[in-house]
N, C-alpha and C. Protein backbone atom coordinates (compact mmCIF):
# COMPACT_ATOMS: atom_id res chain seq x y z
N UNK A 1 0.73 -1.26 -0.06
CA UNK A 1 -0.16 -0.12 -0.26
C UNK A 1 0.96 1.35 0.00
N UNK A 2 0.71 1.93 -0.89
CA UNK A 2 1.55 3.33 -1.11
C UNK A 2 1.35 4.19 0.08
N UNK A 3 2.64 4.78 0.77
CA UNK A 3 2.31 5.79 1.87
C UNK A 3 1.78 6.78 1.58
N UNK A 4 1.07 7.46 2.26
CA UNK A 4 0.34 8.94 2.58
C UNK A 4 1.51 9.91 2.82
N UNK A 5 1.72 11.08 1.56
CA UNK A 5 2.86 11.93 1.88
C UNK A 5 1.98 13.00 2.88
N UNK A 6 2.52 13.71 3.54
CA UNK A 6 1.96 14.90 4.27
C UNK A 6 1.59 15.84 3.40
N UNK A 7 0.24 16.49 3.29
CA UNK A 7 -0.15 17.41 2.50
C UNK A 7 -0.69 18.17 3.50
N UNK A 8 -0.43 19.69 3.22
CA UNK A 8 -1.18 20.58 3.71
C UNK A 8 -2.27 21.46 2.42
N UNK A 9 -3.56 21.20 2.80
CA UNK A 9 -4.62 21.87 2.03
C UNK A 9 -4.33 23.04 1.58
N UNK A 10 -3.30 24.00 2.05
CA UNK A 10 -3.29 25.23 1.51
C UNK A 10 -2.07 25.37 0.64
N UNK A 11 -1.41 23.92 0.23
CA UNK A 11 -1.06 23.99 -1.00
C UNK A 11 -1.61 23.23 -2.03
N UNK A 12 -2.93 22.94 -2.11
CA UNK A 12 -3.78 22.65 -3.03
C UNK A 12 -4.25 23.67 -3.85
N UNK A 13 -4.49 23.54 -5.34
CA UNK A 13 -4.61 24.78 -5.93
C UNK A 13 -5.94 25.21 -6.01
N UNK A 14 -6.06 26.17 -6.31
CA UNK A 14 -7.24 27.28 -7.15
C UNK A 14 -7.22 27.96 -8.20
N UNK A 15 -7.58 27.06 -9.44
CA UNK A 15 -8.63 26.28 -9.19
C UNK A 15 -8.47 25.00 -9.02
N UNK A 16 -9.65 24.28 -8.65
CA UNK A 16 -9.35 22.86 -8.01
C UNK A 16 -9.00 22.08 -9.12
N UNK A 17 -8.37 20.56 -8.67
CA UNK A 17 -7.92 19.65 -9.61
C UNK A 17 -8.04 18.55 -9.06
N UNK A 18 -8.43 17.65 -10.27
CA UNK A 18 -8.88 15.70 -9.87
C UNK A 18 -7.81 15.15 -10.06
N UNK A 19 -7.28 14.29 -9.36
CA UNK A 19 -6.34 13.01 -9.32
C UNK A 19 -7.01 11.81 -8.94
N UNK A 20 -6.22 10.65 -9.58
CA UNK A 20 -6.65 9.23 -8.86
C UNK A 20 -6.19 9.16 -7.90
N UNK A 21 -6.80 8.27 -7.08
CA UNK A 21 -6.45 7.74 -5.74
C UNK A 21 -5.67 6.69 -5.94
N UNK A 22 -4.59 6.29 -5.22
CA UNK A 22 -3.79 5.32 -5.53
C UNK A 22 -4.06 4.36 -4.14
N UNK A 23 -5.13 4.59 -3.10
CA UNK A 23 -5.34 3.65 -2.13
C UNK A 23 -6.99 3.21 -2.33
N UNK A 24 -7.16 1.92 -1.37
CA UNK A 24 -8.37 1.30 -1.79
C UNK A 24 -9.32 2.46 -1.14
N UNK A 25 -10.64 2.48 -1.47
CA UNK A 25 -11.63 3.29 -0.94
C UNK A 25 -12.95 2.45 -0.44
N UNK A 26 -13.15 2.52 0.67
CA UNK A 26 -14.30 1.60 1.34
C UNK A 26 -15.29 2.37 2.27
N UNK A 27 -16.66 2.20 2.11
CA UNK A 27 -17.70 2.89 2.51
C UNK A 27 -18.85 1.94 3.60
N UNK A 28 -18.89 2.07 4.57
CA UNK A 28 -19.96 1.30 5.40
C UNK A 28 -21.06 1.97 5.84
N UNK A 29 -22.06 1.90 5.50
CA UNK A 29 -23.32 2.65 5.99
C UNK A 29 -24.54 1.18 6.34
N UNK A 30 -25.19 1.48 7.79
CA UNK A 30 -26.13 0.87 8.28
C UNK A 30 -25.36 -1.05 8.31
N UNK A 31 -23.93 -0.73 8.72
CA UNK A 31 -23.37 -2.11 8.95
C UNK A 31 -22.81 -2.87 7.76
N UNK A 32 -23.38 -2.21 6.49
CA UNK A 32 -22.63 -3.01 5.35
C UNK A 32 -21.92 -2.03 4.46
N UNK A 33 -20.77 -2.76 3.98
CA UNK A 33 -20.05 -1.95 2.80
C UNK A 33 -21.07 -1.78 1.48
N UNK A 34 -21.01 -0.24 1.50
CA UNK A 34 -22.06 -0.22 0.26
C UNK A 34 -20.78 0.63 -1.11
N UNK A 35 -19.43 0.83 -0.59
CA UNK A 35 -18.55 0.64 -1.74
C UNK A 35 -17.34 0.31 -1.45
N UNK A 36 -16.65 -0.33 -2.38
CA UNK A 36 -15.11 -0.81 -2.53
C UNK A 36 -14.91 -0.44 -3.61
N UNK A 37 -13.47 0.32 -3.88
CA UNK A 37 -13.04 0.24 -5.19
C UNK A 37 -11.33 0.85 -5.09
N UNK A 38 -10.72 0.54 -6.24
CA UNK A 38 -9.40 0.96 -6.65
C UNK A 38 -9.59 2.37 -7.32
N UNK A 39 -10.92 2.74 -7.67
CA UNK A 39 -11.14 3.62 -8.87
C UNK A 39 -11.44 4.71 -8.57
N UNK A 40 -11.14 5.10 -7.37
CA UNK A 40 -11.77 6.49 -6.87
C UNK A 40 -11.12 7.70 -7.70
N UNK A 41 -11.51 8.82 -7.67
CA UNK A 41 -10.67 10.15 -7.76
C UNK A 41 -11.18 10.75 -6.76
N UNK A 42 -10.31 12.23 -6.55
CA UNK A 42 -10.28 13.03 -5.48
C UNK A 42 -10.16 14.32 -6.25
N UNK A 43 -10.92 15.32 -5.63
CA UNK A 43 -10.95 16.94 -5.90
C UNK A 43 -10.11 17.45 -4.74
N UNK A 44 -8.92 18.11 -5.21
CA UNK A 44 -8.26 19.26 -4.47
C UNK A 44 -8.55 20.59 -4.49
N UNK A 45 -8.83 21.26 -3.77
CA UNK A 45 -9.18 22.67 -3.48
C UNK A 45 -8.52 23.30 -2.33
N UNK A 46 -7.62 24.52 -2.78
CA UNK A 46 -7.21 25.29 -1.44
C UNK A 46 -8.15 25.42 -0.41
N UNK A 47 -7.63 24.96 0.72
CA UNK A 47 -8.11 25.20 2.06
C UNK A 47 -9.19 23.81 2.54
N UNK A 48 -9.46 23.15 1.53
CA UNK A 48 -10.48 21.72 1.57
C UNK A 48 -9.70 20.49 1.97
N UNK A 49 -10.44 19.41 2.72
CA UNK A 49 -9.44 18.37 3.03
C UNK A 49 -10.24 17.96 1.54
N UNK A 50 -9.76 16.69 0.96
CA UNK A 50 -9.98 16.23 -0.25
C UNK A 50 -11.82 15.36 -0.48
N UNK A 51 -12.29 16.01 -1.52
CA UNK A 51 -13.56 15.01 -1.68
C UNK A 51 -13.22 13.84 -2.48
N UNK A 52 -13.39 12.70 -2.40
CA UNK A 52 -13.76 11.31 -3.00
C UNK A 52 -14.83 11.08 -3.43
N UNK A 53 -14.66 10.69 -5.12
CA UNK A 53 -15.79 10.40 -5.87
C UNK A 53 -15.45 9.23 -6.41
N UNK A 54 -16.57 8.14 -6.18
CA UNK A 54 -16.42 6.82 -6.53
C UNK A 54 -17.42 6.41 -7.73
N UNK A 55 -17.09 5.61 -8.80
CA UNK A 55 -17.62 5.12 -10.01
C UNK A 55 -19.09 4.75 -9.49
N UNK A 56 -20.24 5.15 -10.47
CA UNK A 56 -21.33 4.98 -9.81
C UNK A 56 -21.40 3.34 -9.82
N UNK A 57 -20.68 2.61 -10.60
CA UNK A 57 -20.99 1.01 -10.60
C UNK A 57 -20.35 0.31 -9.44
N UNK A 58 -19.70 1.25 -8.66
CA UNK A 58 -18.94 0.45 -7.39
C UNK A 58 -19.73 0.82 -5.93
N UNK A 59 -21.20 1.23 -6.34
CA UNK A 59 -22.16 1.68 -5.21
C UNK A 59 -22.98 0.49 -5.41
N UNK A 60 -23.38 0.34 -3.84
CA UNK A 60 -24.09 -1.07 -3.89
C UNK A 60 -25.45 -0.50 -4.51
N UNK A 61 -26.24 -1.73 -5.22
CA UNK A 61 -27.41 -0.85 -6.04
C UNK A 61 -28.11 -0.82 -5.45
N UNK A 62 -29.46 0.57 -5.63
CA UNK A 62 -30.49 0.86 -4.95
C UNK A 62 -30.76 1.23 -4.08
N UNK A 63 -29.33 1.73 -3.42
CA UNK A 63 -29.45 2.64 -2.34
C UNK A 63 -29.33 4.19 -2.50
N UNK A 64 -29.28 4.72 -3.66
CA UNK A 64 -29.21 6.09 -3.67
C UNK A 64 -30.51 6.53 -4.45
N UNK A 65 -31.24 7.44 -3.34
CA UNK A 65 -32.20 7.86 -4.29
C UNK A 65 -32.34 9.55 -4.43
N UNK A 66 -32.32 9.63 -5.59
CA UNK A 66 -32.42 11.19 -5.75
C UNK A 66 -33.48 11.85 -5.02
N UNK A 67 -33.13 13.08 -4.86
CA UNK A 67 -34.16 14.24 -4.04
C UNK A 67 -34.01 15.27 -4.94
N UNK A 68 -34.88 16.24 -4.45
CA UNK A 68 -34.86 17.09 -5.49
C UNK A 68 -34.07 18.48 -5.04
N UNK A 69 -34.03 19.62 -5.60
CA UNK A 69 -32.50 20.60 -5.15
C UNK A 69 -31.40 20.22 -5.77
N UNK A 70 -30.67 21.26 -5.77
CA UNK A 70 -29.10 21.50 -5.89
C UNK A 70 -28.55 22.54 -5.70
N UNK A 71 -27.29 22.23 -5.72
CA UNK A 71 -26.48 23.47 -5.61
C UNK A 71 -25.18 23.68 -6.89
N UNK A 72 -24.44 25.05 -6.59
CA UNK A 72 -23.75 25.32 -7.67
C UNK A 72 -22.62 25.55 -7.13
N UNK A 73 -21.45 24.81 -7.69
CA UNK A 73 -20.01 25.11 -7.60
C UNK A 73 -19.26 25.88 -8.51
N UNK A 74 -18.64 26.88 -8.52
CA UNK A 74 -18.38 27.89 -9.66
C UNK A 74 -17.33 26.79 -10.63
N UNK A 75 -16.73 25.96 -10.03
CA UNK A 75 -15.95 24.71 -10.76
C UNK A 75 -16.57 23.82 -11.54
N UNK A 76 -17.04 23.11 -10.83
CA UNK A 76 -17.50 21.73 -11.24
C UNK A 76 -19.14 22.07 -11.82
N UNK A 77 -20.02 22.88 -11.55
CA UNK A 77 -21.28 23.14 -12.15
C UNK A 77 -22.35 22.84 -11.00
N UNK A 78 -23.59 22.39 -11.40
CA UNK A 78 -24.86 21.95 -10.35
C UNK A 78 -24.65 20.59 -10.01
N UNK A 79 -24.90 20.44 -8.64
CA UNK A 79 -24.72 18.97 -7.97
C UNK A 79 -26.00 18.68 -7.85
N UNK A 80 -26.21 17.23 -7.81
CA UNK A 80 -27.43 16.55 -7.49
C UNK A 80 -27.44 15.69 -6.46
N UNK A 81 -28.13 15.72 -5.38
CA UNK A 81 -27.79 15.42 -4.16
C UNK A 81 -28.73 13.73 -4.17
N UNK A 82 -28.61 12.71 -3.05
CA UNK A 82 -29.31 11.31 -3.04
C UNK A 82 -29.50 11.28 -1.30
N UNK A 83 -30.64 10.53 -1.06
CA UNK A 83 -30.67 10.28 0.13
C UNK A 83 -29.98 8.76 -0.08
N UNK A 84 -29.11 8.27 1.12
CA UNK A 84 -28.82 7.02 1.10
C UNK A 84 -29.64 6.19 1.88
N UNK A 85 -30.13 5.21 1.50
CA UNK A 85 -31.42 4.28 1.85
C UNK A 85 -31.01 2.50 1.98
N UNK A 86 -30.74 2.16 3.16
CA UNK A 86 -30.28 0.76 3.14
C UNK A 86 -31.16 0.22 4.40
N UNK A 87 -32.06 -0.34 4.19
CA UNK A 87 -32.66 -1.44 5.18
C UNK A 87 -33.88 -0.76 5.83
N UNK A 88 -33.63 -0.08 7.31
CA UNK A 88 -34.68 0.89 7.87
C UNK A 88 -33.85 1.84 7.90
N UNK A 89 -32.79 2.15 7.52
CA UNK A 89 -31.99 3.58 7.55
C UNK A 89 -31.75 4.40 6.39
N UNK A 90 -32.51 5.77 6.75
CA UNK A 90 -32.15 6.56 5.74
C UNK A 90 -31.63 7.80 6.11
N UNK A 91 -30.55 8.40 5.26
CA UNK A 91 -29.85 9.42 5.79
C UNK A 91 -30.00 10.45 4.71
N UNK A 92 -30.88 11.61 4.77
CA UNK A 92 -31.03 12.71 3.83
C UNK A 92 -29.76 13.27 3.35
N UNK A 93 -29.86 13.65 2.10
CA UNK A 93 -29.01 14.18 1.37
C UNK A 93 -27.22 13.88 1.80
N UNK A 94 -27.00 12.60 1.39
CA UNK A 94 -25.98 12.03 2.27
C UNK A 94 -24.82 11.76 1.35
N UNK A 95 -25.14 12.02 0.27
CA UNK A 95 -24.42 12.01 -1.45
C UNK A 95 -24.37 12.79 -2.29
N UNK A 96 -23.68 12.80 -3.06
CA UNK A 96 -23.93 13.94 -4.55
C UNK A 96 -23.15 13.62 -5.69
N UNK A 97 -23.76 14.16 -6.78
CA UNK A 97 -22.98 13.80 -7.82
C UNK A 97 -22.85 15.37 -8.85
N UNK A 98 -22.47 15.12 -9.90
CA UNK A 98 -22.32 16.20 -11.08
C UNK A 98 -22.72 15.21 -12.35
N UNK A 99 -23.91 15.15 -12.28
CA UNK A 99 -24.42 14.48 -14.05
C UNK A 99 -24.03 15.57 -15.36
N UNK A 100 -23.89 16.87 -15.05
CA UNK A 100 -23.35 17.69 -16.10
C UNK A 100 -22.37 18.61 -15.71
N UNK A 101 -20.97 18.16 -15.37
CA UNK A 101 -19.98 19.03 -15.00
C UNK A 101 -19.84 20.07 -15.88
N UNK A 102 -19.26 21.17 -15.23
CA UNK A 102 -18.48 21.80 -16.31
C UNK A 102 -17.38 21.14 -16.92
N UNK A 103 -16.76 21.73 -17.98
CA UNK A 103 -15.85 20.93 -19.09
C UNK A 103 -14.70 20.52 -18.40
N UNK A 104 -13.95 21.35 -17.49
CA UNK A 104 -12.80 20.97 -16.88
C UNK A 104 -13.06 19.79 -15.25
N UNK A 105 -14.18 19.56 -15.38
CA UNK A 105 -14.48 18.10 -14.50
C UNK A 105 -15.12 17.17 -15.19
N UNK A 106 -15.41 17.03 -16.24
CA UNK A 106 -15.68 16.03 -17.26
C UNK A 106 -15.76 14.68 -16.47
N UNK A 107 -14.34 14.63 -15.67
CA UNK A 107 -13.93 13.31 -15.36
C UNK A 107 -14.69 12.39 -14.22
N UNK A 108 -15.16 13.26 -13.60
CA UNK A 108 -15.99 13.13 -12.40
C UNK A 108 -17.51 13.09 -12.87
N UNK A 109 -18.02 13.19 -14.04
CA UNK A 109 -19.13 12.95 -14.43
C UNK A 109 -20.05 11.63 -13.84
N UNK A 110 -21.07 12.03 -13.22
CA UNK A 110 -21.95 10.80 -12.47
C UNK A 110 -21.01 9.87 -11.23
N UNK A 111 -20.18 10.32 -10.84
CA UNK A 111 -19.45 9.63 -9.76
C UNK A 111 -19.85 10.40 -8.35
N UNK A 112 -19.67 9.56 -7.86
CA UNK A 112 -20.59 10.05 -6.31
C UNK A 112 -19.45 10.21 -5.34
N UNK A 113 -19.76 10.96 -4.37
CA UNK A 113 -19.36 11.60 -3.45
C UNK A 113 -20.24 11.35 -1.96
N UNK A 114 -19.96 10.94 -0.80
CA UNK A 114 -20.26 10.76 0.34
C UNK A 114 -20.00 11.62 1.42
N UNK A 115 -21.09 12.15 1.95
CA UNK A 115 -20.53 12.95 3.29
C UNK A 115 -20.01 11.78 4.55
N UNK A 116 -18.40 12.11 4.92
CA UNK A 116 -18.22 10.85 5.88
C UNK A 116 -18.88 10.65 7.08
N UNK A 117 -19.20 11.73 7.41
CA UNK A 117 -20.14 11.86 8.70
C UNK A 117 -21.53 11.54 8.98
N UNK A 118 -21.92 11.41 7.87
CA UNK A 118 -23.20 10.66 7.46
C UNK A 118 -23.16 9.07 7.24
N UNK A 119 -21.88 8.51 7.03
CA UNK A 119 -21.92 7.21 7.05
C UNK A 119 -21.52 6.97 8.56
N UNK A 120 -21.45 5.50 8.53
CA UNK A 120 -20.79 4.47 9.17
C UNK A 120 -19.63 4.94 10.04
N UNK A 121 -18.79 4.62 8.71
CA UNK A 121 -17.26 4.64 8.68
C UNK A 121 -17.15 4.62 7.13
N UNK A 122 -15.97 5.74 6.69
CA UNK A 122 -15.24 5.86 5.28
C UNK A 122 -13.70 5.70 5.63
N UNK A 123 -13.53 4.88 4.78
CA UNK A 123 -11.63 4.39 4.72
C UNK A 123 -10.96 5.12 3.50
N UNK A 124 -9.99 5.31 3.78
CA UNK A 124 -8.87 5.53 2.81
C UNK A 124 -7.54 4.65 2.87
N UNK A 125 -7.72 3.46 2.31
CA UNK A 125 -6.46 2.58 2.55
C UNK A 125 -7.33 1.92 4.06
N UNK A 126 -6.57 1.69 4.80
CA UNK A 126 -7.01 1.00 6.29
C UNK A 126 -7.34 2.13 7.16
N UNK A 127 -7.33 3.50 6.56
CA UNK A 127 -7.21 4.49 7.84
C UNK A 127 -9.13 5.08 7.91
N UNK A 128 -9.49 5.19 8.87
CA UNK A 128 -10.96 5.71 8.83
C UNK A 128 -10.52 7.24 8.76
N UNK A 129 -11.34 7.73 8.00
CA UNK A 129 -11.57 9.26 7.91
C UNK A 129 -11.94 10.09 9.05
N UNK A 130 -11.75 11.28 9.24
CA UNK A 130 -12.51 11.96 9.72
C UNK A 130 -13.54 12.97 8.79
N UNK A 131 -14.55 13.61 9.03
CA UNK A 131 -15.34 14.29 8.43
C UNK A 131 -15.13 15.59 8.54
N UNK A 132 -15.32 16.56 7.33
CA UNK A 132 -14.95 18.18 7.21
C UNK A 132 -15.82 18.37 8.09
N UNK A 133 -15.60 19.58 9.19
CA UNK A 133 -16.78 20.17 9.99
C UNK A 133 -17.79 20.73 9.15
N UNK A 134 -18.61 20.79 9.70
CA UNK A 134 -19.89 21.51 8.80
C UNK A 134 -20.66 20.77 8.17
N UNK A 135 -22.13 21.13 7.92
CA UNK A 135 -23.19 20.59 7.09
C UNK A 135 -22.81 20.67 5.66
N UNK A 136 -21.99 21.19 5.10
CA UNK A 136 -21.93 21.55 3.22
C UNK A 136 -20.84 20.79 2.79
N UNK A 137 -19.72 20.73 3.43
CA UNK A 137 -18.44 20.36 3.00
C UNK A 137 -18.20 19.25 2.98
N UNK A 138 -17.86 18.34 2.30
CA UNK A 138 -17.43 16.77 2.30
C UNK A 138 -16.19 16.24 2.10
N UNK A 139 -15.13 17.34 2.49
CA UNK A 139 -14.35 16.67 2.67
C UNK A 139 -14.22 15.52 3.70
N UNK A 140 -12.68 14.72 3.29
CA UNK A 140 -12.45 13.75 4.27
C UNK A 140 -10.93 14.06 4.77
N UNK A 141 -11.02 14.20 5.97
CA UNK A 141 -9.49 14.32 6.57
C UNK A 141 -9.00 12.69 7.02
N UNK A 142 -7.76 12.65 6.65
CA UNK A 142 -6.91 11.38 7.08
C UNK A 142 -5.58 12.23 7.82
N UNK A 143 -5.20 11.67 8.24
CA UNK A 143 -4.01 11.84 9.24
C UNK A 143 -2.62 12.58 8.83
N UNK A 144 -2.91 12.18 7.18
CA UNK A 144 -1.50 12.86 6.61
C UNK A 144 -1.80 14.45 6.69
N UNK A 145 -3.25 15.17 6.51
CA UNK A 145 -3.53 16.12 6.25
C UNK A 145 -2.94 17.49 7.16
N UNK A 146 -2.88 18.38 6.77
CA UNK A 146 -2.47 19.81 7.53
C UNK A 146 -3.35 20.49 7.14
N UNK A 147 -3.93 21.44 8.36
CA UNK A 147 -4.61 22.78 8.13
C UNK A 147 -4.33 24.14 8.33
N UNK A 148 -5.22 24.73 8.83
CA UNK A 148 -6.78 24.52 8.84
C UNK A 148 -7.86 24.52 7.81
N UNK A 149 -8.85 23.43 8.13
CA UNK A 149 -9.61 23.69 7.09
C UNK A 149 -10.97 24.26 6.76
N UNK A 150 -11.28 24.52 5.86
CA UNK A 150 -12.59 25.49 5.54
C UNK A 150 -13.52 24.84 6.35
N UNK A 151 -14.37 25.13 7.21
CA UNK A 151 -15.70 24.90 7.67
C UNK A 151 -15.51 24.68 8.97
N UNK A 152 -14.16 24.50 9.68
CA UNK A 152 -13.68 24.44 11.26
C UNK A 152 -14.11 25.56 12.01
N UNK A 153 -14.24 25.20 13.10
CA UNK A 153 -14.44 26.30 14.70
C UNK A 153 -13.29 27.18 14.18
N UNK A 154 -13.85 28.62 14.12
CA UNK A 154 -12.81 29.55 13.75
C UNK A 154 -12.49 29.94 12.54
N UNK A 155 -13.18 29.38 11.57
CA UNK A 155 -12.72 29.62 10.15
C UNK A 155 -14.16 30.29 9.37
N UNK A 156 -14.81 30.60 9.99
CA UNK A 156 -15.87 31.14 9.45
C UNK A 156 -15.57 32.40 8.55
N UNK A 157 -16.49 32.39 7.39
CA UNK A 157 -16.07 33.98 6.86
C UNK A 157 -14.88 33.68 5.29
N UNK A 158 -14.49 32.33 5.08
CA UNK A 158 -13.84 32.23 4.14
C UNK A 158 -13.98 30.91 3.61
């Protein structure tokens, strides 16, 4: 397994970039593995922990339920949201994707990102990630990252 290098989110670019993830990604929800893949991508943007996107084909079938509404990202375009439903558990707007991203982000078209804090656990390699603070940002924090991170207490206004 590749070793994670120390990264400062303040060294990430603006505008953001997409890069392949060399580690295995796993997501657990309602005590079941709902994602396992070596094919994830991550988006790196100044001041944000990376957001991990997985191909839709690796998501457990039937768990993503589209919901009304969207948000706009100046770099990626309009995001569509999903409730995640498995068994008797429903988590509102726990995942999102870009069905028609802006040209620079076509690589993540229809890939799905999950809010780590709304899942039971999300892993990059063997490491369980921490969620980015706040209800809007979806970054995953690993032990190799340094901040401060956008959305963390004391960082309001940027």
